[in-house]
Amino acid sequence: MQYLIQHIEALIFASPEPLAVGDIENCLSELWAVDVPVVDIEACLVDLQLKYQRPDVSFGLFKQAGGYQFLTKANYHPAIQILLKQSSKKQLSKSALETLALIAYKQPITKPDLEQIRGNNCDYAIQKLLDRELVEIVGKAETPGKPLLYGTTAKFMEYFGINSLNDLPTPQDFAQKEEKSNDEL
């Protein structure tokens, strides 16, 4: 079992994105030319999660975006925020974030619909989001001109640390947060 755990650990470590159980299974089955039971892989994943829960380890094994990935623990987020802040050219602009939020909540959505809601041109923001693979073209609308439809990607979920679109905050969450802020004032 330890041999299997070490291989799973190495695969997840080497993967630049969350690694799904099915992908782990396919890789190991091809490596050893024998089917590796999913139940064994899942048991190893539980063991790995327990291994990295120790307080003396700065990262852990987390499930997100339909797969598993090594990520830093919350205690270290302030230091990482500083590092990421210093890499500001990699950050999304306010325009891109607004456009991304609209796509996330209203997907699939066309560029003309985005521009109508935002009140300005979204060409640059959409292109940046496509370049960063946070959104993708998911089809064409059945309206005159057949404009492209945009939706979010698995990389979007990874970027924001969520498992599904159901994890996005609801309008009620924003209202509650605003009420709390007003109460604190």
Protein backbone atom coordinates (compact mmCIF):
# COMPACT_ATOMS: atom_id res chain seq x y z
CA MET A 1 0.00 0.00 0.00
CA GLN A 2 2.89 2.37 0.79
CA TYR A 3 4.18 1.94 -2.76
CA LEU A 4 0.78 3.00 -4.13
CA ILE A 5 0.57 5.99 -1.78
CA GLN A 6 4.01 7.21 -2.89
CA HIS A 7 3.05 7.01 -6.56
CA ILE A 8 -0.22 8.88 -5.98
CA GLU A 9 1.64 11.51 -3.96
CA ALA A 10 4.16 11.98 -6.77
CA LEU A 11 1.45 12.26 -9.42
CA ILE A 12 -0.44 14.92 -7.48
CA PHE A 13 2.76 16.81 -6.72
CA ALA A 14 3.77 16.84 -10.38
CA SER A 15 0.37 17.87 -11.71
CA PRO A 16 -0.04 21.61 -12.36
CA GLU A 17 -3.79 21.34 -11.78
CA PRO A 18 -6.10 19.30 -9.52
CA LEU A 19 -5.78 15.62 -10.39
CA ALA A 20 -9.00 13.58 -10.55
CA VAL A 21 -9.22 10.05 -9.15
CA GLY A 22 -9.95 8.74 -12.66
CA ASP A 23 -6.77 10.33 -13.99
CA ILE A 24 -4.75 8.77 -11.18
CA GLU A 25 -6.35 5.40 -11.90
CA ASN A 26 -5.62 5.64 -15.65
CA CYS A 27 -2.00 6.62 -15.09
CA LEU A 28 -1.25 3.89 -12.56
CA SER A 29 -3.13 1.23 -14.55
CA GLU A 30 -1.05 2.07 -17.60
CA LEU A 31 2.16 2.14 -15.57
CA TRP A 32 1.62 -1.30 -14.05
CA ALA A 33 -0.49 -2.82 -16.88
CA VAL A 34 -3.12 -3.87 -14.35
CA ASP A 35 -6.34 -2.23 -13.14
CA VAL A 36 -5.82 -0.31 -9.92
CA PRO A 37 -9.05 -0.34 -7.87
CA VAL A 38 -10.53 3.12 -7.28
CA VAL A 39 -11.33 2.16 -3.70
CA ASP A 40 -7.59 1.62 -3.06
CA ILE A 41 -6.76 5.00 -4.61
CA GLU A 42 -9.41 6.73 -2.49
CA ALA A 43 -8.06 5.01 0.67
CA CYS A 44 -4.56 6.27 -0.20
CA LEU A 45 -5.91 9.79 -0.73
CA VAL A 46 -7.46 9.73 2.75
CA ASP A 47 -4.12 8.56 4.20
CA LEU A 48 -2.29 11.34 2.36
CA GLN A 49 -4.74 13.96 3.60
CA LEU A 50 -4.15 12.76 7.15
CA LYS A 51 -0.38 12.78 6.63
CA TYR A 52 -0.42 16.44 5.58
CA GLN A 53 -2.74 17.60 8.38
CA ARG A 54 0.22 17.68 10.76
CA PRO A 55 0.76 21.20 12.16
CA ASP A 56 4.46 21.20 11.24
CA VAL A 57 3.68 21.00 7.50
CA SER A 58 2.87 24.24 5.66
CA PHE A 59 0.77 22.63 2.94
CA GLY A 60 -1.89 19.98 2.65
CA LEU A 61 -3.72 17.79 0.18
CA PHE A 62 -7.03 19.41 -0.74
CA LYS A 63 -9.91 18.37 -2.97
CA GLN A 64 -11.01 21.09 -5.37
CA ALA A 65 -12.28 21.47 -8.93
CA GLY A 66 -13.03 17.75 -9.07
CA GLY A 67 -9.52 16.62 -8.18
CA TYR A 68 -6.73 16.68 -5.61
CA GLN A 69 -3.95 19.22 -5.30
CA PHE A 70 -1.28 20.23 -2.82
CA LEU A 71 -1.99 23.74 -1.51
CA THR A 72 -0.63 25.87 1.30
CA LYS A 73 -2.57 25.94 4.54
CA ALA A 74 -4.57 29.01 5.57
CA ASN A 75 -1.98 30.05 8.20
CA TYR A 76 0.44 30.87 5.40
CA HIS A 77 -1.97 32.76 3.15
CA PRO A 78 -0.84 36.23 4.35
CA ALA A 79 2.75 35.55 3.26
CA ILE A 80 1.58 34.14 -0.04
CA GLN A 81 -0.74 37.12 -0.58
CA ILE A 82 2.28 39.39 -0.33
CA LEU A 83 4.16 37.28 -2.84
CA LEU A 84 1.22 37.33 -5.23
CA LYS A 85 0.67 41.05 -4.71
CA GLN A 86 4.27 41.63 -5.74
CA SER A 87 3.49 39.76 -8.95
CA SER A 88 0.81 42.32 -9.83
CA LYS A 89 1.16 41.88 -13.57
CA LYS A 90 -0.38 38.44 -13.11
CA GLN A 91 -3.42 39.83 -11.30
CA LEU A 92 -6.70 40.41 -13.06
CA SER A 93 -7.77 43.98 -13.65
CA LYS A 94 -10.97 45.31 -12.10
CA SER A 95 -12.58 45.19 -15.56
CA ALA A 96 -11.55 41.55 -16.06
CA LEU A 97 -12.82 40.59 -12.58
CA GLU A 98 -16.17 42.25 -13.23
CA THR A 99 -16.46 40.50 -16.57
CA LEU A 100 -15.45 37.18 -15.02
CA ALA A 101 -18.03 37.56 -12.25
CA LEU A 102 -20.77 38.22 -14.79
CA ILE A 103 -19.75 35.19 -16.84
CA ALA A 104 -19.61 32.99 -13.72
CA TYR A 105 -23.07 33.97 -12.52
CA LYS A 106 -24.87 34.30 -15.86
CA GLN A 107 -23.20 31.63 -18.00
CA PRO A 108 -23.58 30.86 -20.76
CA ILE A 109 -23.57 34.52 -21.78
CA THR A 110 -22.75 36.43 -24.96
CA LYS A 111 -20.38 39.39 -25.31
CA PRO A 112 -23.25 41.74 -26.30
CA ASP A 113 -25.10 40.73 -23.11
CA LEU A 114 -21.95 41.37 -21.04
CA GLU A 115 -21.47 44.76 -22.66
CA GLN A 116 -25.10 45.69 -22.08
CA ILE A 117 -24.81 44.86 -18.37
CA ARG A 118 -21.40 46.51 -17.89
CA GLY A 119 -22.13 49.47 -20.15
CA ASN A 120 -18.81 49.31 -21.98
CA ASN A 121 -16.73 47.23 -24.38
CA CYS A 122 -15.52 43.88 -23.00
CA ASP A 123 -13.19 42.80 -25.83
CA TYR A 124 -9.95 43.24 -23.90
CA ALA A 125 -11.27 41.69 -20.66
CA ILE A 126 -12.69 38.66 -22.47
CA GLN A 127 -9.45 38.15 -24.38
CA LYS A 128 -7.41 38.28 -21.15
CA LEU A 129 -9.77 35.79 -19.50
CA LEU A 130 -9.54 33.48 -22.53
CA ASP A 131 -5.72 33.80 -22.51
CA ARG A 132 -5.60 32.85 -18.82
CA GLU A 133 -8.04 29.97 -19.51
CA LEU A 134 -10.50 31.19 -16.87
CA VAL A 135 -13.30 31.30 -19.45
CA GLU A 136 -13.95 29.42 -22.65
CA ILE A 137 -16.27 29.52 -25.61
CA VAL A 138 -19.07 27.08 -24.85
CA GLY A 139 -21.14 27.48 -28.02
CA LYS A 140 -23.09 29.95 -30.09
CA ALA A 141 -26.37 31.63 -29.21
CA GLU A 142 -29.44 30.94 -31.31
CA THR A 143 -29.97 34.66 -31.90
CA PRO A 144 -29.27 36.75 -35.01
CA GLY A 145 -25.57 36.81 -35.80
CA LYS A 146 -25.01 33.71 -33.62
CA PRO A 147 -22.77 35.44 -31.03
CA LEU A 148 -20.36 33.26 -29.05
CA LEU A 149 -21.38 32.03 -25.61
CA TYR A 150 -18.86 32.18 -22.78
CA GLY A 151 -18.62 30.08 -19.63
CA THR A 152 -16.09 29.41 -16.88
CA THR A 153 -13.51 26.60 -16.89
CA ALA A 154 -12.10 24.17 -14.34
CA LYS A 155 -9.12 26.54 -14.10
CA PHE A 156 -11.57 29.23 -12.92
CA MET A 157 -12.63 26.94 -10.06
CA GLU A 158 -9.00 26.19 -9.26
CA TYR A 159 -8.11 29.93 -9.34
CA PHE A 160 -10.83 30.73 -6.79
CA GLY A 161 -10.45 27.50 -4.78
CA ILE A 162 -13.95 26.15 -5.30
CA ASN A 163 -15.24 22.69 -6.20
CA SER A 164 -18.27 23.73 -8.22
CA LEU A 165 -20.23 26.78 -9.28
CA ASN A 166 -22.60 26.03 -6.39
CA ASP A 167 -19.78 27.17 -4.07
CA LEU A 168 -19.98 30.74 -5.43
CA PRO A 169 -21.46 33.24 -2.97
CA THR A 170 -25.14 33.97 -3.47
CA PRO A 171 -26.64 37.47 -3.52
CA GLN A 172 -27.96 36.71 -0.01
CA ASP A 173 -24.35 36.14 1.17
CA PHE A 174 -23.41 39.62 -0.05
CA ALA A 175 -26.45 41.16 1.65
CA GLN A 176 -25.58 39.45 4.96
CA LYS A 177 -21.96 40.63 4.73
CA GLU A 178 -23.10 44.19 4.02
CA GLU A 179 -25.49 44.08 7.00
CA LYS A 180 -22.66 42.90 9.26
CA SER A 181 -20.41 45.71 8.01
CA ASN A 182 -23.12 48.30 8.66
CA ASP A 183 -23.70 46.88 12.16
CA GLU A 184 -19.98 47.15 12.91
CA LEU A 185 -19.94 50.82 11.92
